[in-house]
Amino acid sequence: MNRKVKTKLLYSSSGILAGGVIIYALLQLLSLAIRQKLMMPGMILRIYAVVSAALTAALIICGVSLIRHEGFRIRNLAGIGLGLYWVAGNLLCLFVSEHLAGAGVIGRFAALLGCYADLFLSGMLIMAFIAARHKPAFDKDFVIIPGCSISKQGGLLPLLKGRTNRAIRFAWDQERASGKPARYVPTGGQGPDEIMSEGSAMEFYLLSHGAESYEVFPEKQSVNTYENMLFSKKIIDALMPDAKVCFVTTNYHVLRSGMLARKAGLDAEGLASTTKWYFWPNGLARELVAITSMYRLWQLAAFVICFAAAWVG
């Protein structure tokens, strides 16, 4: 598949839908191979009830480890909360679809809606995994580094240092492989408890790790990932229209960053930096909730379609 087409599909709602459809097709093929008949939504819900319970157990282990290492914060419960929500949602849909089956429409609607929610979540998980594994081509003119919190002294905290180090390594690898240098766009404004902008903090770090001043073009006004991409695009367009771009961010953040880059009109490939094993499930859970919220109209449309299908069926 053409790299440009693949990238556009990867960071899109169509990609999530394709991931969910693939899972659904595989489940049906497995059912045909074993039972010689297609699965009904209720059977798919049963499968997902088991899968979600197993994943929730893993999320709880990661969540407890995260709290032990990072301290108790509400946001550190996101992974555990998503897992419990998934289990509870499956069990509720199963209960309604089986015990209110006599009500007809209500039972079918619960089964269809639960099945859709499971497949949508599966699609997001698949695309998040693929996005985190994607390796950009060594032809980039600019590398964007989206910001996150810095220390009170202006130093880079582990997440941001991981992103910046990965960007440096990519630029070095590219120059060795192709001879083409890449320039950096560290991006991020100054938070209320920060002594400087995140873009400035990364600029100092890059300059102290071998980058030249003419290779670094910091952006210092953005307050979220969308603005990271939008304002970076303005800087890059002013320097080199039609430049080839990649962005470097933490593994769980690549998918949504790519979607927001597309929303900002930026054609860019994502590259993942790693984080500690107990941290990324919690971060991924928050990202999945944010992506779901990005497609609120789509969720409403799915709700209406499920209800219509239950009514007709």
Protein backbone atom coordinates (compact mmCIF):
# COMPACT_ATOMS: atom_id res chain seq x y z
CA MET A 1 0.00 0.00 0.00
CA ASN A 2 1.22 3.51 -0.81
CA ARG A 3 2.81 5.04 2.31
CA LYS A 4 0.79 8.26 2.02
CA VAL A 5 -2.51 6.38 1.69
CA LYS A 6 -1.54 4.09 4.57
CA THR A 7 -0.78 7.07 6.81
CA LYS A 8 -4.09 8.77 6.02
CA LEU A 9 -5.98 5.56 6.80
CA LEU A 10 -4.00 5.02 9.99
CA TYR A 11 -4.92 8.38 11.51
CA SER A 12 -8.61 8.39 10.62
CA SER A 13 -12.01 7.25 11.76
CA SER A 14 -12.05 5.00 8.69
CA GLY A 15 -9.04 3.17 10.07
CA ILE A 16 -10.80 2.55 13.39
CA LEU A 17 -13.88 1.31 11.54
CA ALA A 18 -11.71 -0.95 9.38
CA GLY A 19 -10.06 -2.41 12.50
CA GLY A 20 -13.44 -3.16 14.06
CA VAL A 21 -14.73 -4.72 10.83
CA ILE A 22 -11.65 -6.94 10.57
CA ILE A 23 -12.18 -8.20 14.14
CA TYR A 24 -15.86 -8.85 13.40
CA ALA A 25 -15.00 -10.73 10.20
CA LEU A 26 -12.39 -12.85 11.99
CA LEU A 27 -14.87 -13.75 14.73
CA GLN A 28 -17.44 -14.79 12.15
CA LEU A 29 -14.90 -16.85 10.20
CA LEU A 30 -13.88 -18.56 13.43
CA SER A 31 -17.51 -19.28 14.22
CA LEU A 32 -18.08 -20.73 10.75
CA ALA A 33 -15.01 -22.95 11.12
CA ILE A 34 -16.08 -24.25 14.55
CA ARG A 35 -19.88 -24.08 14.61
CA GLN A 36 -20.76 -23.85 10.91
CA LYS A 37 -22.94 -20.81 11.54
CA LEU A 38 -22.53 -17.09 12.07
CA MET A 39 -22.37 -15.53 15.53
CA MET A 40 -25.21 -13.42 16.80
CA PRO A 41 -24.42 -10.17 18.69
CA GLY A 42 -25.18 -11.84 22.02
CA MET A 43 -22.46 -14.44 21.42
CA ILE A 44 -19.96 -11.72 20.52
CA LEU A 45 -20.83 -9.97 23.78
CA ARG A 46 -20.07 -13.16 25.71
CA ILE A 47 -16.66 -13.42 24.07
CA TYR A 48 -15.90 -9.80 24.87
CA ALA A 49 -17.07 -10.23 28.46
CA VAL A 50 -14.30 -12.81 28.92
CA VAL A 51 -11.72 -10.75 27.00
CA SER A 52 -12.55 -7.56 28.88
CA ALA A 53 -12.35 -9.35 32.24
CA ALA A 54 -8.86 -10.67 31.39
CA LEU A 55 -7.67 -7.26 30.17
CA THR A 56 -9.14 -5.55 33.23
CA ALA A 57 -7.12 -7.85 35.47
CA ALA A 58 -3.99 -6.80 33.59
CA LEU A 59 -5.01 -3.13 33.80
CA ILE A 60 -5.49 -3.43 37.55
CA ILE A 61 -1.97 -4.84 37.93
CA CYS A 62 -0.57 -1.96 35.84
CA GLY A 63 -2.69 0.56 37.77
CA VAL A 64 -1.50 -0.65 41.16
CA SER A 65 2.10 -0.54 39.96
CA LEU A 66 1.57 2.98 38.62
CA ILE A 67 0.16 4.19 41.94
CA ARG A 68 3.05 2.58 43.82
CA HIS A 69 5.62 4.34 41.62
CA GLU A 70 3.89 7.65 40.84
CA GLY A 71 1.56 8.14 43.82
CA PHE A 72 -2.22 8.20 44.05
CA ARG A 73 -3.92 10.57 41.62
CA ILE A 74 -7.36 10.36 40.06
CA ARG A 75 -5.88 10.29 36.55
CA ASN A 76 -3.79 7.25 37.51
CA LEU A 77 -7.03 5.29 37.83
CA ALA A 78 -7.97 5.77 34.16
CA GLY A 79 -6.80 2.33 33.03
CA ILE A 80 -8.56 0.53 35.87
CA GLY A 81 -11.69 2.62 35.32
CA LEU A 82 -11.82 1.86 31.60
CA GLY A 83 -11.40 -1.86 32.23
CA LEU A 84 -14.16 -1.95 34.84
CA TYR A 85 -16.41 0.14 32.59
CA TRP A 86 -15.84 -2.29 29.72
CA VAL A 87 -16.68 -5.32 31.87
CA ALA A 88 -19.74 -3.64 33.40
CA GLY A 89 -20.98 -2.50 29.99
CA ASN A 90 -20.69 -6.00 28.54
CA LEU A 91 -22.46 -7.58 31.49
CA LEU A 92 -25.24 -4.98 31.40
CA CYS A 93 -25.80 -5.43 27.67
CA LEU A 94 -25.82 -9.22 28.11
CA PHE A 95 -28.32 -8.98 30.96
CA VAL A 96 -30.66 -6.69 29.03
CA SER A 97 -30.41 -8.64 25.79
CA GLU A 98 -31.07 -12.01 27.47
CA HIS A 99 -33.56 -11.12 30.22
CA LEU A 100 -35.52 -8.56 28.25
CA ALA A 101 -35.54 -10.58 25.07
CA GLY A 102 -39.29 -10.77 25.35
CA ALA A 103 -39.39 -7.01 24.93
CA GLY A 104 -37.94 -7.58 21.47
CA VAL A 105 -36.61 -4.22 20.43
CA ILE A 106 -34.94 -3.46 23.79
CA GLY A 107 -33.09 -6.77 23.91
CA ARG A 108 -31.88 -6.58 20.30
CA PHE A 109 -30.89 -2.92 20.72
CA ALA A 110 -28.79 -3.67 23.82
CA ALA A 111 -27.02 -6.53 22.05
CA LEU A 112 -26.33 -4.49 18.90
CA LEU A 113 -25.15 -1.43 20.82
CA GLY A 114 -22.88 -3.49 23.06
CA CYS A 115 -21.47 -5.30 20.03
CA TYR A 116 -20.78 -1.98 18.29
CA ALA A 117 -19.06 -0.54 21.38
CA ASP A 118 -16.84 -3.61 21.69
CA LEU A 119 -15.84 -3.54 18.03
CA PHE A 120 -15.21 0.21 18.09
CA LEU A 121 -12.93 -0.21 21.10
CA SER A 122 -11.18 -3.11 19.35
CA GLY A 123 -10.65 -0.96 16.28
CA MET A 124 -9.09 1.80 18.38
CA LEU A 125 -6.79 -0.67 20.15
CA ILE A 126 -5.64 -2.19 16.86
CA MET A 127 -4.95 1.18 15.25
CA ALA A 128 -3.21 2.48 18.38
CA PHE A 129 -0.91 -0.56 18.30
CA ILE A 130 -0.18 -0.16 14.57
CA ALA A 131 0.41 3.58 14.97
CA ALA A 132 2.88 2.99 17.80
CA ARG A 133 4.78 0.45 15.69
CA HIS A 134 4.90 2.59 12.53
CA LYS A 135 8.35 3.68 11.32
CA PRO A 136 8.49 6.86 9.20
CA ALA A 137 10.59 6.91 6.05
CA PHE A 138 14.03 8.54 6.26
CA ASP A 139 13.06 11.49 4.06
CA LYS A 140 11.84 14.04 6.58
CA ASP A 141 12.61 17.75 6.54
CA PHE A 142 11.20 18.45 10.01
CA VAL A 143 10.57 16.52 13.22
CA ILE A 144 7.85 17.91 15.50
CA ILE A 145 8.06 17.16 19.23
CA PRO A 146 4.75 17.83 21.06
CA GLY A 147 5.28 19.12 24.58
CA CYS A 148 4.16 17.87 27.95
CA SER A 149 4.98 18.95 31.51
CA ILE A 150 8.46 20.11 32.48
CA SER A 151 10.02 20.29 35.93
CA LYS A 152 9.86 23.35 38.16
CA GLN A 153 13.47 24.07 37.23
CA GLY A 154 12.71 23.89 33.50
CA GLY A 155 14.19 20.45 32.91
CA LEU A 156 12.57 17.73 30.84
CA LEU A 157 10.59 15.16 32.78
CA PRO A 158 10.87 11.49 31.69
CA LEU A 159 7.99 11.51 29.16
CA LEU A 160 9.22 14.63 27.38
CA LYS A 161 12.86 13.59 27.58
CA GLY A 162 11.88 10.27 25.99
CA ARG A 163 10.18 12.08 23.09
CA THR A 164 13.10 14.45 22.57
CA ASN A 165 15.72 11.70 22.71
CA ARG A 166 13.73 9.65 20.20
CA ALA A 167 13.55 12.66 17.86
CA ILE A 168 17.33 13.13 18.12
CA ARG A 169 17.93 9.46 17.38
CA PHE A 170 15.58 9.54 14.38
CA ALA A 171 17.37 12.58 12.94
CA TRP A 172 20.75 10.90 13.41
CA ASP A 173 19.53 7.62 11.90
CA GLN A 174 18.06 9.46 8.93
CA GLU A 175 21.24 11.40 8.22
CA ARG A 176 23.32 8.23 8.40
CA ALA A 177 20.90 6.30 6.17
CA SER A 178 20.08 8.93 3.56
CA GLY A 179 22.43 11.87 4.12
CA LYS A 180 19.43 14.16 4.62
CA PRO A 181 19.39 16.33 7.76
CA ALA A 182 16.15 16.93 9.65
CA ARG A 183 15.30 20.06 11.59
CA TYR A 184 13.42 20.13 14.88
CA VAL A 185 10.19 21.88 15.89
CA PRO A 186 9.80 21.47 19.66
CA THR A 187 6.33 22.72 20.51
CA GLY A 188 4.50 23.68 23.69
CA GLY A 189 3.54 26.79 25.62
CA GLN A 190 4.19 27.78 29.22
CA GLY A 191 1.88 26.34 31.87
CA PRO A 192 0.84 28.29 34.97
CA ASP A 193 3.35 26.40 37.14
CA GLU A 194 6.22 26.35 34.60
CA ILE A 195 9.10 28.84 34.50
CA MET A 196 9.38 28.68 30.70
CA SER A 197 7.57 27.27 27.71
CA GLU A 198 7.91 23.58 26.94
CA GLY A 199 9.18 24.53 23.48
CA SER A 200 12.00 26.55 25.06
CA ALA A 201 12.91 23.76 27.48
CA MET A 202 13.21 21.31 24.61
CA GLU A 203 15.17 23.85 22.55
CA PHE A 204 17.80 24.13 25.31
CA TYR A 205 17.94 20.34 25.61
CA LEU A 206 18.39 19.89 21.86
CA LEU A 207 21.13 22.52 21.69
CA SER A 208 22.95 20.86 24.59
CA HIS A 209 22.78 17.50 22.82
CA GLY A 210 24.40 18.38 19.52
CA ALA A 211 21.79 20.33 17.57
CA GLU A 212 22.78 23.65 16.00
CA SER A 213 20.70 26.79 16.52
CA TYR A 214 19.75 26.91 12.83
CA GLU A 215 18.28 23.40 13.14
CA VAL A 216 15.80 24.19 15.95
CA PHE A 217 12.60 26.20 15.44
CA PRO A 218 10.67 26.22 18.73
CA GLU A 219 6.95 26.94 18.98
CA LYS A 220 6.04 28.47 22.37
CA GLN A 221 2.33 29.32 22.39
CA SER A 222 0.33 26.08 22.05
CA VAL A 223 -1.69 24.69 24.95
CA ASN A 224 -2.82 21.29 23.60
CA THR A 225 -1.89 18.69 21.00
CA TYR A 226 -4.08 20.19 18.30
CA GLU A 227 -2.37 23.56 18.69
CA ASN A 228 1.02 21.79 18.79
CA MET A 229 0.29 20.55 15.28
CA LEU A 230 -1.46 23.67 13.98
CA PHE A 231 1.17 26.17 15.12
CA SER A 232 4.03 23.88 14.07
CA LYS A 233 2.50 23.65 10.61
CA LYS A 234 2.56 27.45 10.33
CA ILE A 235 6.25 27.53 11.22
CA ILE A 236 7.08 24.75 8.75
CA ASP A 237 5.00 26.23 5.92
CA ALA A 238 6.79 29.56 6.33
CA LEU A 239 10.16 27.84 6.10
CA MET A 240 9.49 25.15 3.51
CA PRO A 241 6.08 24.62 1.88
CA ASP A 242 5.35 20.97 1.09
CA ALA A 243 7.98 19.79 3.58
CA LYS A 244 8.00 16.17 4.64
CA VAL A 245 7.23 15.92 8.35
CA CYS A 246 7.08 13.44 11.19
CA PHE A 247 6.16 13.91 14.83
CA VAL A 248 7.54 12.08 17.84
CA THR A 249 5.40 11.41 20.87
CA THR A 250 4.86 8.76 23.55
CA ASN A 251 3.64 5.39 22.23
CA TYR A 252 0.08 5.62 23.60
CA HIS A 253 -0.30 9.16 22.21
CA VAL A 254 0.66 8.54 18.57
CA LEU A 255 -2.79 7.64 17.21
CA ARG A 256 -4.65 10.68 18.53
CA SER A 257 -1.73 12.97 17.68
CA GLY A 258 -1.88 11.75 14.09
CA MET A 259 -5.63 12.39 13.98
CA LEU A 260 -5.17 15.91 15.35
CA ALA A 261 -2.34 16.54 12.86
CA ARG A 262 -4.72 15.66 10.03
CA LYS A 263 -7.36 17.93 11.55
CA ALA A 264 -4.78 20.75 11.53
CA GLY A 265 -4.06 20.10 7.86
CA LEU A 266 -0.63 18.63 8.54
CA ASP A 267 0.46 15.59 6.55
CA ALA A 268 2.80 13.88 8.99
CA GLU A 269 3.89 10.40 10.05
CA GLY A 270 4.11 9.48 13.72
CA LEU A 271 7.00 7.89 15.57
CA ALA A 272 6.65 6.46 19.08
CA SER A 273 8.90 6.90 22.07
CA THR A 274 8.58 4.33 24.83
CA THR A 275 7.51 4.68 28.43
CA LYS A 276 7.44 2.42 31.47
CA TRP A 277 5.33 -0.71 31.15
CA TYR A 278 3.00 0.21 33.99
CA PHE A 279 2.37 3.73 32.66
CA TRP A 280 1.32 3.22 29.05
CA PRO A 281 -1.96 1.28 29.71
CA ASN A 282 -3.21 4.16 31.84
CA GLY A 283 -2.17 6.69 29.21
CA LEU A 284 -3.75 4.62 26.44
CA ALA A 285 -7.03 4.44 28.36
CA ARG A 286 -7.19 8.25 28.53
CA GLU A 287 -6.39 8.45 24.82
CA LEU A 288 -9.19 6.03 23.89
CA VAL A 289 -11.70 8.08 25.85
CA ALA A 290 -10.47 11.25 24.12
CA ILE A 291 -10.71 9.65 20.66
CA THR A 292 -14.24 8.44 21.37
CA SER A 293 -15.15 11.99 22.37
CA MET A 294 -13.67 13.32 19.12
CA TYR A 295 -16.27 11.31 17.20
CA ARG A 296 -19.37 12.19 19.20
CA LEU A 297 -21.54 12.55 16.09
CA TRP A 298 -20.38 9.16 14.90
CA GLN A 299 -21.40 7.61 18.23
CA LEU A 300 -24.82 9.25 17.95
CA ALA A 301 -25.21 7.91 14.41
CA ALA A 302 -24.26 4.41 15.59
CA PHE A 303 -26.82 4.67 18.40
CA VAL A 304 -29.56 5.55 15.89
CA ILE A 305 -28.51 2.82 13.45
CA CYS A 306 -28.46 0.17 16.20
CA PHE A 307 -31.92 1.22 17.34
CA ALA A 308 -33.26 1.20 13.77
CA ALA A 309 -31.77 -2.25 13.12
CA ALA A 310 -33.28 -3.56 16.39
CA TRP A 311 -36.68 -2.12 15.47
CA VAL A 312 -36.64 -3.59 11.96
CA GLY A 313 -35.27 -6.93 13.19
